Structure formats: C-alpha cells, structure tokens
Amino acid sequence: MGAHPYYYFVEYQPDIEAALQDLRQREFEAGRYNPVQPFPRFPINPDSPAPGARHETIYEAIEDAAEDGTRSILDIETLSDWPELGVASPLSEEDLERYFGTTQPSREMVSRKLNFLGTAKRGNCVYIIVFAAGQPSEIFFGGYSID
C-alpha cells in the first residue's frame, strides 16, 4: 500500500514541541487515526468526524495500527533538526524560498502548494511557521504515513 499524506494547521506557540504534543493529544482524543478511522480525511476542520479514541493511550493506538501506522500525526513522537523516522523537522529555509518565495509563508501559500510535502519521506513530518501580517500565526505539520 502507498503512503498517505496528512497535514494540520495549529495555532502558533513558541514551543513547537508543546504544539506537536498538543496536536497529537487532540487527534488521539478525537479518534482521527488508523485503526479508528482507517483513512482520516485532510484537512482537519471543525466539522471533521471525531468518533473518539478507541485506545487507552497513543502508544496503544500506534501498537494496534502496526506496520500501517496511524496515518496521522500520532506517528510523530518528537522534533528534530534533521528528518528521521517518527520526528517532525523544520522545512529548510532553502525549501521555503524555493516553494513559497519567502521564509515567512502565509497559510494561503502553504495550503495552495502542498507539493513541498514530497520533501518528507514515509514516517517523517515537516513543520513550517506560518505568518500573518508579518507575525507567526500558525504552525503547519505535514508528512506521509508509514504504510
């Protein structure tokens, strides 16, 4: 089976690790992960289905998903400066310039040009600080599932 893209926009906070963990917890509690929802639909919005968690912990959900992975941000455990399995790393300044023509892309720019997700390998995630009126406004997390 081929890898499946996933992506999220969350409110900006300076602590990117905290933002990632908050997002993981939110998506776990909503049940937007395989095997509860085998193929969650993206982008996530307030009307997105939220059947609720069917596991006691994120770790149990990951174990139950097995080699398919959760097809969601639950598969991403932490941050790293470099792409690695199970981590979120920043999209490089060079890639930001190449895909968006700026190191401070807006939400519209990021939403319109998701082809940069191709920089992420299976089981990896990239993040981007998204700007509005010259200030950080959101964090984008996106990647490809393990399966």
Protein backbone atom coordinates (compact mmCIF):
# COMPACT_ATOMS: atom_id res chain seq x y z
CA MET A 1 0.00 0.00 0.00
CA GLY A 2 1.23 3.54 -0.67
CA ALA A 3 1.94 6.22 1.88
CA HIS A 4 -0.85 8.70 2.63
CA PRO A 5 -0.34 12.43 3.23
CA TYR A 6 -1.60 14.14 6.35
CA TYR A 7 -1.40 17.76 7.44
CA TYR A 8 -2.60 20.12 10.12
CA PHE A 9 -2.55 23.81 10.97
CA VAL A 10 -2.43 24.67 14.68
CA GLU A 11 -2.29 27.97 16.50
CA TYR A 12 1.23 29.29 16.83
CA GLN A 13 3.06 28.92 20.09
CA PRO A 14 6.81 29.48 20.52
CA ASP A 15 7.29 25.99 21.96
CA ILE A 16 6.99 23.86 18.81
CA GLU A 17 7.38 20.62 20.80
CA ALA A 18 4.42 21.60 23.00
CA ALA A 19 2.38 22.43 19.90
CA LEU A 20 3.19 19.00 18.44
CA GLN A 21 2.25 17.18 21.64
CA ASP A 22 -0.98 19.19 21.98
CA LEU A 23 -1.87 18.29 18.38
CA ARG A 24 -1.12 14.61 18.95
CA GLN A 25 -3.32 14.57 22.03
CA ARG A 26 -6.15 16.42 20.25
CA GLU A 27 -6.14 13.99 17.32
CA PHE A 28 -5.90 10.98 19.61
CA GLU A 29 -8.89 12.12 21.69
CA ALA A 30 -10.85 12.86 18.50
CA GLY A 31 -10.13 9.35 17.18
CA ARG A 32 -8.79 10.69 13.89
CA TYR A 33 -6.23 7.94 13.38
CA ASN A 34 -5.97 4.45 11.96
CA PRO A 35 -7.45 1.98 13.01
CA VAL A 36 -10.37 4.06 14.37
CA GLN A 37 -10.60 5.90 11.04
CA PRO A 38 -8.57 3.85 8.55
CA PHE A 39 -8.11 6.85 6.23
CA PRO A 40 -8.67 10.16 8.04
CA ARG A 41 -9.62 12.97 5.65
CA PHE A 42 -7.48 16.08 5.49
CA PRO A 43 -7.50 18.96 6.06
CA ILE A 44 -8.97 18.68 9.54
CA ASN A 45 -11.56 21.34 10.30
CA PRO A 46 -14.23 21.89 12.98
CA ASP A 47 -16.68 19.71 11.01
CA SER A 48 -14.28 16.78 10.64
CA PRO A 49 -15.54 13.46 12.01
CA ALA A 50 -14.40 12.80 15.57
CA PRO A 51 -15.50 9.32 16.69
CA GLY A 52 -13.33 9.49 19.82
CA ALA A 53 -10.32 7.48 20.91
CA ARG A 54 -10.70 3.70 20.96
CA HIS A 55 -7.45 3.09 22.82
CA GLU A 56 -6.26 3.95 26.31
CA THR A 57 -3.08 5.68 25.14
CA ILE A 58 -1.39 6.97 22.00
CA TYR A 59 1.18 4.20 22.40
CA GLU A 60 -1.59 1.56 22.32
CA ALA A 61 -3.05 3.14 19.18
CA ILE A 62 0.35 3.03 17.49
CA GLU A 63 0.84 -0.60 18.51
CA ASP A 64 -2.63 -1.54 17.21
CA ALA A 65 -2.02 0.23 13.88
CA ALA A 66 1.11 -1.95 13.48
CA GLU A 67 3.04 -1.62 10.21
CA ASP A 68 0.30 0.54 8.64
CA GLY A 69 0.91 3.29 11.18
CA THR A 70 -1.84 5.59 12.39
CA ARG A 71 -1.79 7.60 9.13
CA SER A 72 -1.74 10.69 11.32
CA ILE A 73 0.41 12.93 13.48
CA LEU A 74 0.28 10.26 16.20
CA ASP A 75 3.18 8.53 14.42
CA ILE A 76 5.38 11.58 15.04
CA GLU A 77 6.84 11.43 18.54
CA THR A 78 9.09 14.49 18.76
CA LEU A 79 11.07 17.18 16.94
CA SER A 80 14.49 17.01 15.35
CA ASP A 81 16.61 19.40 13.32
CA TRP A 82 17.01 16.60 10.75
CA PRO A 83 14.47 14.34 9.03
CA GLU A 84 14.20 10.99 10.79
CA LEU A 85 11.56 8.30 11.16
CA GLY A 86 8.93 9.39 13.65
CA VAL A 87 10.03 13.01 14.03
CA ALA A 88 8.99 16.44 12.76
CA SER A 89 11.75 18.63 11.38
CA PRO A 90 11.58 22.17 10.01
CA LEU A 91 11.31 22.72 6.29
CA SER A 92 14.66 24.30 5.41
CA GLU A 93 14.96 27.99 4.58
CA GLU A 94 16.13 26.98 1.11
CA ASP A 95 12.98 24.90 0.59
CA LEU A 96 10.78 27.69 1.98
CA GLU A 97 12.30 30.07 -0.57
CA ARG A 98 12.01 27.51 -3.36
CA TYR A 99 8.36 26.61 -2.75
CA PHE A 100 6.97 29.92 -1.48
CA GLY A 101 9.46 32.63 -2.47
CA THR A 102 9.78 33.65 1.18
CA THR A 103 10.85 32.29 4.56
CA GLN A 104 7.57 33.63 6.03
CA PRO A 105 4.80 31.93 4.05
CA SER A 106 1.13 32.67 4.74
CA ARG A 107 -1.50 29.99 5.33
CA GLU A 108 -2.82 30.58 1.83
CA MET A 109 0.62 29.98 0.32
CA VAL A 110 1.14 26.76 2.27
CA SER A 111 -2.38 25.47 1.56
CA ARG A 112 -2.05 26.19 -2.15
CA LYS A 113 1.32 24.48 -2.67
CA LEU A 114 1.28 21.19 -0.77
CA ASN A 115 3.74 19.68 -3.26
CA PHE A 116 6.52 20.53 -0.78
CA LEU A 117 5.26 17.56 1.25
CA GLY A 118 7.28 15.50 -1.22
CA THR A 119 10.35 16.52 0.79
CA ALA A 120 9.10 14.29 3.62
CA LYS A 121 9.74 10.56 3.39
CA ARG A 122 7.42 7.89 4.78
CA GLY A 123 7.11 8.19 8.52
CA ASN A 124 8.59 11.71 8.51
CA CYS A 125 6.96 15.07 9.09
CA VAL A 126 7.90 18.65 8.28
CA TYR A 127 6.77 21.75 10.07
CA ILE A 128 6.51 25.35 8.94
CA ILE A 129 5.92 28.51 10.92
CA VAL A 130 3.06 30.26 9.10
CA PHE A 131 2.83 34.05 9.13
CA ALA A 132 0.04 36.63 9.01
CA ALA A 133 0.78 40.37 8.89
CA GLY A 134 4.49 39.66 9.44
CA GLN A 135 3.94 37.73 12.67
CA PRO A 136 3.89 33.97 13.38
CA SER A 137 0.25 32.89 13.43
CA GLU A 138 0.17 29.11 12.97
CA ILE A 139 2.33 26.03 12.71
CA PHE A 140 1.83 23.63 9.84
CA PHE A 141 2.68 19.96 10.42
CA GLY A 142 2.55 17.59 7.46
CA GLY A 143 4.01 14.36 6.23
CA TYR A 144 3.44 10.89 4.89
CA SER A 145 2.21 7.81 6.68
CA ILE A 146 4.43 4.82 7.28
CA ASP A 147 2.37 2.34 5.20
